[in-house]
Amino acid sequence: MRYCLLLLAALLLAACGAKGNDSSSGAATASAGAGGELTPFQVKNGIGPVTEEITLGPLDKEMAERGEDIFDLKCGSCHKLDQRYVGPALGDVLTRRTPTYVMNMIMAPDTMYTRHPEARALLAQYATQMPNLHLSREDARAIVEHIRKEAADHD
């Protein structure tokens, strides 16, 4: 249970970040601490197993339902969609971060906290590191779809 809470906090941290920082993720490169310089792709999309931009098509309701189940089980103890909790609110995360960034944060929070400046800033702000719950790419994508659905339902 504690790990679930930590994961949710990390997701919130990665997802929320500072308002409006997604498109301004710095110049072409950003300092990555011990990892060296980040590529423009990594600055925008994070560092992790997803190495291509994820393009979102029409909302997949079945995938969103699956994502809701995963979110409730793995993320909900630290993250809420509409309010700050242990971690940042995630309802509007896709207005600040790319789907690829969110998936990389879900799947590789340890790498993100170590190398990505926005993830490090979130860790500093929330003081709780999201654990790596070893979610699959499909699970991470389903969570993104759930967040999309919830955001659309509240517009």
C-alpha atoms as a PDB file:
ATOM      1  CA  MET A   1       0.000   0.000   0.000  1.00  0.00           C
ATOM      2  CA  ARG A   2       2.844   2.345   0.859  1.00  0.00           C
ATOM      3  CA  TYR A   3       4.389   1.752  -2.548  1.00  0.00           C
ATOM      4  CA  CYS A   4       1.093   2.565  -4.224  1.00  0.00           C
ATOM      5  CA  LEU A   5       0.973   5.849  -2.375  1.00  0.00           C
ATOM      6  CA  LEU A   6       4.497   6.641  -3.403  1.00  0.00           C
ATOM      7  CA  LEU A   7       3.760   5.782  -7.014  1.00  0.00           C
ATOM      8  CA  LEU A   8       0.768   8.031  -7.057  1.00  0.00           C
ATOM      9  CA  ALA A   9       2.784  10.863  -5.590  1.00  0.00           C
ATOM     10  CA  ALA A  10       5.418  10.449  -8.257  1.00  0.00           C
ATOM     11  CA  LEU A  11       2.812  10.389 -11.007  1.00  0.00           C
ATOM     12  CA  LEU A  12       1.338  13.559  -9.685  1.00  0.00           C
ATOM     13  CA  LEU A  13       4.703  15.152  -9.480  1.00  0.00           C
ATOM     14  CA  ALA A  14       5.608  14.240 -12.983  1.00  0.00           C
ATOM     15  CA  ALA A  15       2.258  14.977 -14.413  1.00  0.00           C
ATOM     16  CA  CYS A  16       1.583  18.323 -12.846  1.00  0.00           C
ATOM     17  CA  GLY A  17       4.879  20.045 -12.706  1.00  0.00           C
ATOM     18  CA  ALA A  18       4.922  23.770 -12.831  1.00  0.00           C
ATOM     19  CA  LYS A  19       2.003  25.249 -14.711  1.00  0.00           C
ATOM     20  CA  GLY A  20       2.768  25.987 -18.336  1.00  0.00           C
ATOM     21  CA  ASN A  21       6.189  24.348 -18.329  1.00  0.00           C
ATOM     22  CA  ASP A  22       5.410  21.620 -20.834  1.00  0.00           C
ATOM     23  CA  SER A  23       5.909  23.689 -23.944  1.00  0.00           C
ATOM     24  CA  SER A  24       8.644  25.764 -22.379  1.00  0.00           C
ATOM     25  CA  SER A  25      10.725  22.801 -21.312  1.00  0.00           C
ATOM     26  CA  GLY A  26      13.725  24.965 -21.831  1.00  0.00           C
ATOM     27  CA  ALA A  27      15.920  25.318 -24.804  1.00  0.00           C
ATOM     28  CA  ALA A  28      17.027  22.532 -27.068  1.00  0.00           C
ATOM     29  CA  THR A  29      18.833  20.835 -24.193  1.00  0.00           C
ATOM     30  CA  ALA A  30      18.643  20.967 -20.447  1.00  0.00           C
ATOM     31  CA  SER A  31      20.991  19.967 -17.704  1.00  0.00           C
ATOM     32  CA  ALA A  32      20.438  16.397 -16.666  1.00  0.00           C
ATOM     33  CA  GLY A  33      22.753  16.290 -13.707  1.00  0.00           C
ATOM     34  CA  ALA A  34      24.930  13.209 -13.660  1.00  0.00           C
ATOM     35  CA  GLY A  35      23.317  11.983 -16.867  1.00  0.00           C
ATOM     36  CA  GLY A  36      24.666  14.785 -19.040  1.00  0.00           C
ATOM     37  CA  GLU A  37      22.624  16.789 -21.489  1.00  0.00           C
ATOM     38  CA  LEU A  38      19.132  15.844 -22.545  1.00  0.00           C
ATOM     39  CA  THR A  39      18.094  15.755 -26.160  1.00  0.00           C
ATOM     40  CA  PRO A  40      15.207  18.007 -27.211  1.00  0.00           C
ATOM     41  CA  PHE A  41      13.014  14.877 -27.357  1.00  0.00           C
ATOM     42  CA  GLN A  42      13.914  13.962 -23.769  1.00  0.00           C
ATOM     43  CA  VAL A  43      13.278  17.486 -22.517  1.00  0.00           C
ATOM     44  CA  LYS A  44       9.794  17.410 -24.020  1.00  0.00           C
ATOM     45  CA  ASN A  45       8.894  13.735 -23.557  1.00  0.00           C
ATOM     46  CA  GLY A  46      10.902  12.540 -20.595  1.00  0.00           C
ATOM     47  CA  ILE A  47      13.400   9.745 -20.216  1.00  0.00           C
ATOM     48  CA  GLY A  48      12.262   6.159 -20.143  1.00  0.00           C
ATOM     49  CA  PRO A  49      11.140   3.220 -22.231  1.00  0.00           C
ATOM     50  CA  VAL A  50       8.855   5.265 -24.500  1.00  0.00           C
ATOM     51  CA  THR A  51      11.214   6.680 -27.100  1.00  0.00           C
ATOM     52  CA  GLU A  52       8.717   7.833 -29.696  1.00  0.00           C
ATOM     53  CA  GLU A  53       5.992  10.445 -29.437  1.00  0.00           C
ATOM     54  CA  ILE A  54       2.626   8.966 -28.581  1.00  0.00           C
ATOM     55  CA  THR A  55      -0.121  10.355 -30.781  1.00  0.00           C
ATOM     56  CA  LEU A  56      -3.564  10.331 -29.235  1.00  0.00           C
ATOM     57  CA  GLY A  57      -6.459   9.506 -31.521  1.00  0.00           C
ATOM     58  CA  PRO A  58     -10.125   9.346 -30.641  1.00  0.00           C
ATOM     59  CA  LEU A  59     -10.809   8.443 -27.032  1.00  0.00           C
ATOM     60  CA  ASP A  60     -10.767   4.677 -26.474  1.00  0.00           C
ATOM     61  CA  LYS A  61     -13.479   4.181 -23.849  1.00  0.00           C
ATOM     62  CA  GLU A  62     -12.604   0.547 -23.191  1.00  0.00           C
ATOM     63  CA  MET A  63      -8.953   1.434 -22.619  1.00  0.00           C
ATOM     64  CA  ALA A  64     -10.030   4.344 -20.385  1.00  0.00           C
ATOM     65  CA  GLU A  65     -12.120   1.979 -18.247  1.00  0.00           C
ATOM     66  CA  ARG A  66      -9.145  -0.312 -17.863  1.00  0.00           C
ATOM     67  CA  GLY A  67      -7.019   2.716 -17.023  1.00  0.00           C
ATOM     68  CA  GLU A  68      -9.504   3.783 -14.375  1.00  0.00           C
ATOM     69  CA  ASP A  69      -9.204   0.394 -12.681  1.00  0.00           C
ATOM     70  CA  ILE A  70      -5.403   0.618 -12.744  1.00  0.00           C
ATOM     71  CA  PHE A  71      -5.456   4.237 -11.563  1.00  0.00           C
ATOM     72  CA  ASP A  72      -7.768   3.400  -8.663  1.00  0.00           C
ATOM     73  CA  LEU A  73      -5.585   0.466  -7.630  1.00  0.00           C
ATOM     74  CA  LYS A  74      -2.110   1.885  -8.196  1.00  0.00           C
ATOM     75  CA  CYS A  75      -2.387   5.679  -8.311  1.00  0.00           C
ATOM     76  CA  GLY A  76      -5.440   6.849  -6.415  1.00  0.00           C
ATOM     77  CA  SER A  77      -3.920   6.664  -2.960  1.00  0.00           C
ATOM     78  CA  CYS A  78      -1.469   9.462  -3.863  1.00  0.00           C
ATOM     79  CA  HIS A  79      -3.087  11.216  -6.800  1.00  0.00           C
ATOM     80  CA  LYS A  80      -6.444  12.835  -7.338  1.00  0.00           C
ATOM     81  CA  LEU A  81      -7.579  14.216 -10.647  1.00  0.00           C
ATOM     82  CA  ASP A  82      -8.948  17.502  -9.347  1.00  0.00           C
ATOM     83  CA  GLN A  83      -6.813  18.373  -6.339  1.00  0.00           C
ATOM     84  CA  ARG A  84      -3.312  18.253  -4.945  1.00  0.00           C
ATOM     85  CA  TYR A  85      -2.903  15.295  -2.649  1.00  0.00           C
ATOM     86  CA  VAL A  86       0.302  13.435  -1.806  1.00  0.00           C
ATOM     87  CA  GLY A  87       1.261  14.271  -5.364  1.00  0.00           C
ATOM     88  CA  PRO A  88      -0.023  16.763  -7.907  1.00  0.00           C
ATOM     89  CA  ALA A  89      -3.541  16.747  -9.342  1.00  0.00           C
ATOM     90  CA  LEU A  90      -3.552  14.914 -12.658  1.00  0.00           C
ATOM     91  CA  GLY A  91      -6.790  16.031 -14.298  1.00  0.00           C
ATOM     92  CA  ASP A  92      -5.085  18.586 -16.530  1.00  0.00           C
ATOM     93  CA  VAL A  93      -1.652  16.982 -16.752  1.00  0.00           C
ATOM     94  CA  LEU A  94      -1.998  16.404 -20.491  1.00  0.00           C
ATOM     95  CA  THR A  95      -2.259  20.166 -21.012  1.00  0.00           C
ATOM     96  CA  ARG A  96       1.185  20.531 -19.413  1.00  0.00           C
ATOM     97  CA  ARG A  97       2.929  17.307 -20.394  1.00  0.00           C
ATOM     98  CA  THR A  98       2.959  15.104 -23.450  1.00  0.00           C
ATOM     99  CA  PRO A  99       1.434  11.623 -23.285  1.00  0.00           C
ATOM    100  CA  THR A 100       4.952  10.266 -23.794  1.00  0.00           C
ATOM    101  CA  TYR A 101       6.235  12.240 -20.793  1.00  0.00           C
ATOM    102  CA  VAL A 102       3.402  10.971 -18.599  1.00  0.00           C
ATOM    103  CA  MET A 103       4.005   7.372 -19.677  1.00  0.00           C
ATOM    104  CA  ASN A 104       7.739   7.664 -19.048  1.00  0.00           C
ATOM    105  CA  MET A 105       7.053   9.080 -15.595  1.00  0.00           C
ATOM    106  CA  ILE A 106       4.689   6.213 -14.833  1.00  0.00           C
ATOM    107  CA  MET A 107       7.079   3.570 -16.109  1.00  0.00           C
ATOM    108  CA  ALA A 108      10.474   4.992 -15.086  1.00  0.00           C
ATOM    109  CA  PRO A 109      10.040   7.456 -12.219  1.00  0.00           C
ATOM    110  CA  ASP A 110      13.475   6.640 -10.808  1.00  0.00           C
ATOM    111  CA  THR A 111      15.174   7.610 -14.078  1.00  0.00           C
ATOM    112  CA  MET A 112      13.028  10.696 -14.429  1.00  0.00           C
ATOM    113  CA  TYR A 113      13.873  11.917 -10.915  1.00  0.00           C
ATOM    114  CA  THR A 114      17.549  11.309 -11.517  1.00  0.00           C
ATOM    115  CA  ARG A 115      17.868  12.891 -14.951  1.00  0.00           C
ATOM    116  CA  HIS A 116      14.922  15.134 -15.877  1.00  0.00           C
ATOM    117  CA  PRO A 117      14.871  18.680 -14.467  1.00  0.00           C
ATOM    118  CA  GLU A 118      11.058  18.943 -14.361  1.00  0.00           C
ATOM    119  CA  ALA A 119      10.734  15.647 -12.467  1.00  0.00           C
ATOM    120  CA  ARG A 120      13.442  16.788 -10.032  1.00  0.00           C
ATOM    121  CA  ALA A 121      11.545  20.046  -9.503  1.00  0.00           C
ATOM    122  CA  LEU A 122       8.378  18.084  -8.736  1.00  0.00           C
ATOM    123  CA  LEU A 123      10.258  15.951  -6.246  1.00  0.00           C
ATOM    124  CA  ALA A 124      11.538  19.081  -4.551  1.00  0.00           C
ATOM    125  CA  GLN A 125       8.040  20.569  -4.477  1.00  0.00           C
ATOM    126  CA  TYR A 126       6.213  17.492  -3.167  1.00  0.00           C
ATOM    127  CA  ALA A 127       9.060  15.859  -1.200  1.00  0.00           C
ATOM    128  CA  THR A 128       7.697  12.407  -2.009  1.00  0.00           C
ATOM    129  CA  GLN A 129       9.192  10.230  -4.713  1.00  0.00           C
ATOM    130  CA  MET A 130       6.877   8.112  -6.795  1.00  0.00           C
ATOM    131  CA  PRO A 131       7.963   4.469  -6.649  1.00  0.00           C
ATOM    132  CA  ASN A 132       8.512   2.372  -9.715  1.00  0.00           C
ATOM    133  CA  LEU A 133       5.532   0.015  -9.733  1.00  0.00           C
ATOM    134  CA  HIS A 134       6.825  -1.745 -12.836  1.00  0.00           C
ATOM    135  CA  LEU A 135       3.702  -1.027 -14.836  1.00  0.00           C
ATOM    136  CA  SER A 136       3.640  -2.154 -18.438  1.00  0.00           C
ATOM    137  CA  ARG A 137       3.507   0.156 -21.419  1.00  0.00           C
ATOM    138  CA  GLU A 138      -0.111  -0.931 -21.958  1.00  0.00           C
ATOM    139  CA  ASP A 139      -0.998  -0.085 -18.358  1.00  0.00           C
ATOM    140  CA  ALA A 140       0.649   3.329 -18.619  1.00  0.00           C
ATOM    141  CA  ARG A 141      -1.170   4.039 -21.881  1.00  0.00           C
ATOM    142  CA  ALA A 142      -4.477   3.000 -20.299  1.00  0.00           C
ATOM    143  CA  ILE A 143      -3.869   5.412 -17.406  1.00  0.00           C
ATOM    144  CA  VAL A 144      -3.252   8.212 -19.909  1.00  0.00           C
ATOM    145  CA  GLU A 145      -6.524   7.349 -21.620  1.00  0.00           C
ATOM    146  CA  HIS A 146      -8.355   7.412 -18.276  1.00  0.00           C
ATOM    147  CA  ILE A 147      -6.917  10.859 -17.509  1.00  0.00           C
ATOM    148  CA  ARG A 148      -8.030  12.047 -20.976  1.00  0.00           C
ATOM    149  CA  LYS A 149     -11.534  10.752 -20.426  1.00  0.00           C
ATOM    150  CA  GLU A 150     -11.842  12.387 -17.024  1.00  0.00           C
ATOM    151  CA  ALA A 151     -10.529  15.695 -18.375  1.00  0.00           C
ATOM    152  CA  ALA A 152     -13.029  15.566 -21.241  1.00  0.00           C
ATOM    153  CA  ASP A 153     -15.878  14.765 -18.832  1.00  0.00           C
ATOM    154  CA  HIS A 154     -15.061  17.872 -16.786  1.00  0.00           C
ATOM    155  CA  ASP A 155     -14.862  20.295 -19.718  1.00  0.00           C
END
